[in-house]
C-alpha atoms as a PDB file:
ATOM      1  CA  LYS A   1      24.243 -16.543   3.154  1.00  0.00           C
ATOM      2  CA  GLN A   2      26.375 -15.122   1.262  1.00  0.00           C
ATOM      3  CA  GLY A   3      30.103 -14.196   3.271  1.00  0.00           C
ATOM      4  CA  GLY A   4      28.649 -14.956   5.748  1.00  0.00           C
ATOM      5  CA  GLU A   5      25.983 -12.142   5.778  1.00  0.00           C
ATOM      6  CA  ARG A   6      22.110 -12.597   5.121  1.00  0.00           C
ATOM      7  CA  ARG A   7      19.443 -11.843   2.947  1.00  0.00           C
ATOM      8  CA  ALA A   8      16.307 -11.224   2.722  1.00  0.00           C
ATOM      9  CA  LEU A   9      14.459 -13.879  -0.232  1.00  0.00           C
ATOM     10  CA  HIS A  10      14.048 -11.124  -1.988  1.00  0.00           C
ATOM     11  CA  GLU A  11      17.237 -10.043  -2.467  1.00  0.00           C
ATOM     12  CA  THR A  12      19.371 -12.388  -2.753  1.00  0.00           C
ATOM     13  CA  PRO A  13      20.430 -12.761  -6.625  1.00  0.00           C
ATOM     14  CA  SER A  14      18.847 -15.484  -7.880  1.00  0.00           C
ATOM     15  CA  VAL A  15      15.235 -14.447  -7.095  1.00  0.00           C
ATOM     16  CA  GLU A  16      16.261 -10.950  -8.406  1.00  0.00           C
ATOM     17  CA  ARG A  17      16.476 -12.452 -11.187  1.00  0.00           C
ATOM     18  CA  PHE A  18      13.565 -14.278 -11.397  1.00  0.00           C
ATOM     19  CA  LEU A  19      11.854 -11.064 -10.370  1.00  0.00           C
ATOM     20  CA  LYS A  20      13.121  -8.934 -13.072  1.00  0.00           C
ATOM     21  CA  ASP A  21      12.877 -11.567 -15.398  1.00  0.00           C
ATOM     22  CA  CYS A  22       9.693 -13.144 -15.378  1.00  0.00           C
ATOM     23  CA  ILE A  23       8.171  -9.865 -14.334  1.00  0.00           C
ATOM     24  CA  ALA A  24       9.729  -6.527 -15.031  1.00  0.00           C
ATOM     25  CA  ALA A  25      10.341  -7.458 -18.786  1.00  0.00           C
ATOM     26  CA  GLN A  26       6.942  -7.683 -19.761  1.00  0.00           C
ATOM     27  CA  LEU A  27       6.489  -4.716 -18.275  1.00  0.00           C
ATOM     28  CA  GLY A  28       7.187  -0.693 -19.228  1.00  0.00           C
ATOM     29  CA  SER A  29       8.349   1.976 -17.068  1.00  0.00           C
ATOM     30  CA  ALA A  30       4.600   3.008 -17.176  1.00  0.00           C
ATOM     31  CA  GLN A  31       3.523  -0.230 -15.452  1.00  0.00           C
ATOM     32  CA  LEU A  32       6.528  -0.941 -13.565  1.00  0.00           C
ATOM     33  CA  LYS A  33       5.992   2.629 -11.471  1.00  0.00           C
ATOM     34  CA  SER A  34       1.854   1.197 -11.915  1.00  0.00           C
ATOM     35  CA  MET A  35       3.303  -2.079 -10.249  1.00  0.00           C
ATOM     36  CA  ARG A  36       5.361  -0.348  -7.215  1.00  0.00           C
ATOM     37  CA  ALA A  37       2.962   2.325  -6.434  1.00  0.00           C
ATOM     38  CA  ILE A  38       0.046  -0.997  -5.965  1.00  0.00           C
ATOM     39  CA  ALA A  39       3.131  -2.879  -4.222  1.00  0.00           C
ATOM     40  CA  GLU A  40       3.365   0.265  -0.838  1.00  0.00           C
ATOM     41  CA  LEU A  41      -0.066  -0.862  -0.373  1.00  0.00           C
ATOM     42  CA  ASP A  42      -1.412  -3.428   2.327  1.00  0.00           C
ATOM     43  CA  SER A  43      -4.473  -4.021  -0.939  1.00  0.00           C
ATOM     44  CA  CYS A  44      -5.415  -2.247  -4.206  1.00  0.00           C
ATOM     45  CA  SER A  45      -8.352  -1.857  -6.097  1.00  0.00           C
ATOM     46  CA  ASP A  46      -8.684   0.615  -9.291  1.00  0.00           C
ATOM     47  CA  GLU A  47     -10.210   3.431  -7.172  1.00  0.00           C
ATOM     48  CA  LEU A  48      -7.944   3.527  -4.957  1.00  0.00           C
ATOM     49  CA  PHE A  49      -4.784   3.434  -7.534  1.00  0.00           C
ATOM     50  CA  PHE A  50      -6.486   5.964  -9.678  1.00  0.00           C
ATOM     51  CA  ALA A  51      -6.354   8.479  -6.979  1.00  0.00           C
ATOM     52  CA  ILE A  52      -3.081   7.359  -5.987  1.00  0.00           C
ATOM     53  CA  GLU A  53      -1.613   7.758  -9.736  1.00  0.00           C
ATOM     54  CA  PRO A  54      -0.702  11.692 -10.007  1.00  0.00           C
ATOM     55  CA  SER A  55       2.025  11.412  -7.710  1.00  0.00           C
ATOM     56  CA  VAL A  56       3.029   8.418 -10.284  1.00  0.00           C
ATOM     57  CA  SER A  57       4.307  11.078 -13.278  1.00  0.00           C
ATOM     58  CA  GLU A  58       3.051   8.467 -15.997  1.00  0.00           C
ATOM     59  CA  SER A  59      -0.605   6.561 -16.713  1.00  0.00           C
ATOM     60  CA  GLY A  60       0.180   3.771 -16.308  1.00  0.00           C
ATOM     61  CA  MET A  61      -1.789  -0.371 -14.831  1.00  0.00           C
ATOM     62  CA  PRO A  62      -4.214  -0.126 -12.415  1.00  0.00           C
ATOM     63  CA  PRO A  63      -4.769  -3.721 -10.571  1.00  0.00           C
ATOM     64  CA  SER A  64      -7.680  -4.848 -12.219  1.00  0.00           C
ATOM     65  CA  GLU A  65      -5.197  -4.611 -15.138  1.00  0.00           C
ATOM     66  CA  ALA A  66      -2.126  -5.972 -13.634  1.00  0.00           C
ATOM     67  CA  ALA A  67      -4.058  -9.406 -12.433  1.00  0.00           C
ATOM     68  CA  ASP A  68      -5.776  -9.219 -16.189  1.00  0.00           C
ATOM     69  CA  ARG A  69      -2.693  -9.923 -17.271  1.00  0.00           C
ATOM     70  CA  GLY A  70      -1.002 -12.677 -15.073  1.00  0.00           C
ATOM     71  CA  LEU A  71       1.008 -10.066 -13.035  1.00  0.00           C
ATOM     72  CA  PRO A  72       0.833 -12.281  -9.203  1.00  0.00           C
ATOM     73  CA  LEU A  73      -2.275 -10.540  -7.933  1.00  0.00           C
ATOM     74  CA  LYS A  74      -5.331 -11.837  -5.863  1.00  0.00           C
ATOM     75  CA  PRO A  75      -8.305 -10.763  -5.160  1.00  0.00           C
ATOM     76  CA  VAL A  76      -8.983  -9.907  -0.950  1.00  0.00           C
ATOM     77  CA  PRO A  77     -11.408 -12.513  -0.127  1.00  0.00           C
ATOM     78  CA  GLY A  78     -14.632 -10.190   0.879  1.00  0.00           C
ATOM     79  CA  ARG A  79     -13.769  -7.047  -0.144  1.00  0.00           C
ATOM     80  CA  GLY A  80     -15.230  -6.900  -4.285  1.00  0.00           C
ATOM     81  CA  ARG A  81     -12.292  -6.175  -6.849  1.00  0.00           C
ATOM     82  CA  TRP A  82      -9.601  -5.357  -4.647  1.00  0.00           C
ATOM     83  CA  TYR A  83      -6.039  -6.857  -4.972  1.00  0.00           C
ATOM     84  CA  ARG A  84      -2.825  -8.404  -2.945  1.00  0.00           C
ATOM     85  CA  LEU A  85       0.174  -8.906  -4.611  1.00  0.00           C
ATOM     86  CA  ASN A  86       2.066 -12.267  -4.418  1.00  0.00           C
ATOM     87  CA  PRO A  87       3.962 -10.476  -1.005  1.00  0.00           C
ATOM     88  CA  LEU A  88       7.699 -11.954  -2.488  1.00  0.00           C
ATOM     89  CA  LEU A  89       6.419  -9.456  -5.015  1.00  0.00           C
ATOM     90  CA  GLN A  90       5.787  -6.663  -3.622  1.00  0.00           C
ATOM     91  CA  ALA A  91       9.077  -7.008  -1.353  1.00  0.00           C
ATOM     92  CA  TRP A  92      11.067  -7.313  -4.350  1.00  0.00           C
ATOM     93  CA  LEU A  93       9.141  -3.412  -5.766  1.00  0.00           C
ATOM     94  CA  GLN A  94       9.348  -2.035  -2.236  1.00  0.00           C
ATOM     95  CA  THR A  95      13.399  -1.863  -2.899  1.00  0.00           C
ATOM     96  CA  PRO A  96      14.371   1.073  -3.176  1.00  0.00           C
ATOM     97  CA  VAL A  97      11.470   3.253  -1.768  1.00  0.00           C
ATOM     98  CA  MET A  98       9.747   4.797  -4.963  1.00  0.00           C
ATOM     99  CA  GLY A  99       9.895   9.017  -4.978  1.00  0.00           C
ATOM    100  CA  GLY A 100       6.389  10.482  -3.717  1.00  0.00           C
ATOM    101  CA  TYR A 101       6.127   7.796  -1.280  1.00  0.00           C
ATOM    102  CA  ILE A 102       4.948  10.432   1.576  1.00  0.00           C
ATOM    103  CA  THR A 103       2.752  11.347  -0.729  1.00  0.00           C
ATOM    104  CA  ARG A 104       0.911   8.634  -1.736  1.00  0.00           C
ATOM    105  CA  MET A 105       0.545   7.745   1.858  1.00  0.00           C
ATOM    106  CA  LEU A 106      -0.908  11.046   2.189  1.00  0.00           C
ATOM    107  CA  MET A 107      -3.267  10.105  -0.646  1.00  0.00           C
ATOM    108  CA  ALA A 108      -4.164   6.584  -0.036  1.00  0.00           C
ATOM    109  CA  SER A 109      -5.189   8.187   3.762  1.00  0.00           C
ATOM    110  CA  ARG A 110      -7.314  10.823   2.464  1.00  0.00           C
ATOM    111  CA  TRP A 111      -8.749   8.156   0.424  1.00  0.00           C
ATOM    112  CA  PHE A 112      -9.356   6.043   2.616  1.00  0.00           C
ATOM    113  CA  GLU A 113     -10.660   9.216   5.731  1.00  0.00           C
ATOM    114  CA  GLN A 114     -13.439  10.085   2.785  1.00  0.00           C
ATOM    115  CA  ARG A 115     -14.877   6.598   2.891  1.00  0.00           C
ATOM    116  CA  GLN A 116     -14.557   7.221   6.469  1.00  0.00           C
ATOM    117  CA  GLN A 117     -12.878   3.843   6.310  1.00  0.00           C
ATOM    118  CA  PHE A 118     -10.467   5.554   9.481  1.00  0.00           C
ATOM    119  CA  PRO A 119      -8.245   2.334  10.989  1.00  0.00           C
ATOM    120  CA  GLU A 120      -6.700   2.670   7.234  1.00  0.00           C
ATOM    121  CA  ALA A 121      -6.806   6.001   6.752  1.00  0.00           C
ATOM    122  CA  LEU A 122      -4.707   6.348   9.878  1.00  0.00           C
ATOM    123  CA  LYS A 123      -2.294   3.830   9.132  1.00  0.00           C
ATOM    124  CA  TYR A 124      -1.364   5.119   6.054  1.00  0.00           C
ATOM    125  CA  ALA A 125      -0.918   8.789   7.727  1.00  0.00           C
ATOM    126  CA  VAL A 126       1.469   6.747  10.156  1.00  0.00           C
ATOM    127  CA  LEU A 127       3.263   5.336   7.097  1.00  0.00           C
ATOM    128  CA  ALA A 128       3.080   9.139   5.925  1.00  0.00           C
ATOM    129  CA  GLY A 129       5.244   9.751   9.064  1.00  0.00           C
ATOM    130  CA  ASP A 130       2.619  13.430   9.587  1.00  0.00           C
ATOM    131  CA  SER A 131       2.062  13.118  13.323  1.00  0.00           C
ATOM    132  CA  ASP A 132      -0.499  16.226  12.852  1.00  0.00           C
ATOM    133  CA  GLU A 133      -2.544  13.917  10.063  1.00  0.00           C
ATOM    134  CA  VAL A 134      -2.410  10.987  12.824  1.00  0.00           C
ATOM    135  CA  VAL A 135      -3.663  13.128  15.591  1.00  0.00           C
ATOM    136  CA  ARG A 136      -6.673  15.022  13.666  1.00  0.00           C
ATOM    137  CA  ILE A 137      -7.407  11.743  11.555  1.00  0.00           C
ATOM    138  CA  ALA A 138      -7.541   9.926  15.683  1.00  0.00           C
ATOM    139  CA  SER A 139      -9.579  12.418  16.926  1.00  0.00           C
ATOM    140  CA  GLU A 140     -12.295  13.394  14.322  1.00  0.00           C
ATOM    141  CA  SER A 141     -12.551   9.607  13.253  1.00  0.00           C
ATOM    142  CA  THR A 142     -12.988   8.983  17.515  1.00  0.00           C
ATOM    143  CA  GLU A 143     -16.311  10.812  17.694  1.00  0.00           C
ATOM    144  CA  ALA A 144     -17.308   9.679  14.730  1.00  0.00           C
ATOM    145  CA  LEU A 145     -16.674   5.956  16.069  1.00  0.00           C
ATOM    146  CA  LEU A 146     -17.951   6.024  19.192  1.00  0.00           C
ATOM    147  CA  LEU A 147     -21.461   8.039  17.775  1.00  0.00           C
ATOM    148  CA  GLY A 148     -21.802   5.193  15.656  1.00  0.00           C
ATOM    149  CA  GLN A 149     -21.039   2.734  18.754  1.00  0.00           C
ATOM    150  CA  ASP A 150     -18.467   0.659  16.409  1.00  0.00           C
ATOM    151  CA  THR A 151     -15.256  -1.013  18.839  1.00  0.00           C
ATOM    152  CA  ALA A 152     -14.406  -2.803  16.316  1.00  0.00           C
ATOM    153  CA  SER A 153     -12.765  -0.299  14.523  1.00  0.00           C
ATOM    154  CA  LEU A 154     -12.565   2.362  17.164  1.00  0.00           C
ATOM    155  CA  LEU A 155      -9.833  -0.798  18.705  1.00  0.00           C
ATOM    156  CA  SER A 156      -8.520  -1.125  15.164  1.00  0.00           C
ATOM    157  CA  LEU A 157      -7.724   2.625  15.336  1.00  0.00           C
ATOM    158  CA  ARG A 158      -6.066   1.991  18.892  1.00  0.00           C
ATOM    159  CA  LYS A 159      -3.741  -0.594  16.936  1.00  0.00           C
ATOM    160  CA  ASN A 160      -2.377   1.715  14.306  1.00  0.00           C
ATOM    161  CA  LEU A 161      -1.207   5.083  16.799  1.00  0.00           C
ATOM    162  CA  PRO A 162       1.897   4.486  17.352  1.00  0.00           C
ATOM    163  CA  ALA A 163       2.921   4.494  20.704  1.00  0.00           C
ATOM    164  CA  GLU A 164       4.217   7.832  21.386  1.00  0.00           C
ATOM    165  CA  LEU A 165       0.628   9.586  20.289  1.00  0.00           C
ATOM    166  CA  LEU A 166      -1.024   7.025  23.232  1.00  0.00           C
END
């Protein structure tokens, strides 16, 4: 607490200073932008990173390279070469929102949809705020999931739908 005002942990001056000194100071501008783009996603693989990278403007650093450099990314168990950022660092890197966010969320949505990972595709379309895309993915993927009798994905898909679209 400072002056009666509550702050998120990643916004406290000492934590910000620590993250700037220990993480941001060792990265170049393009690498920091890469880390900020990775932070926008729940988890990220190099392949997904390269799919959204054009919206970051500069060629940067994929998650596997960041992990190899000792940055706080952990492999996601059971998902091969997928990585998840430390939650504190992720929250700090997400503030403020980086330009091109909506474009990156739509690119991620399309990337997941191409791989028939419909719940993730839907989640990123929702994050992009594109209702038309959300409805399109939900209607097209529901049929595919019903035909494949994939009830777990159907339930996950429903969970990701905004209440106003149900």
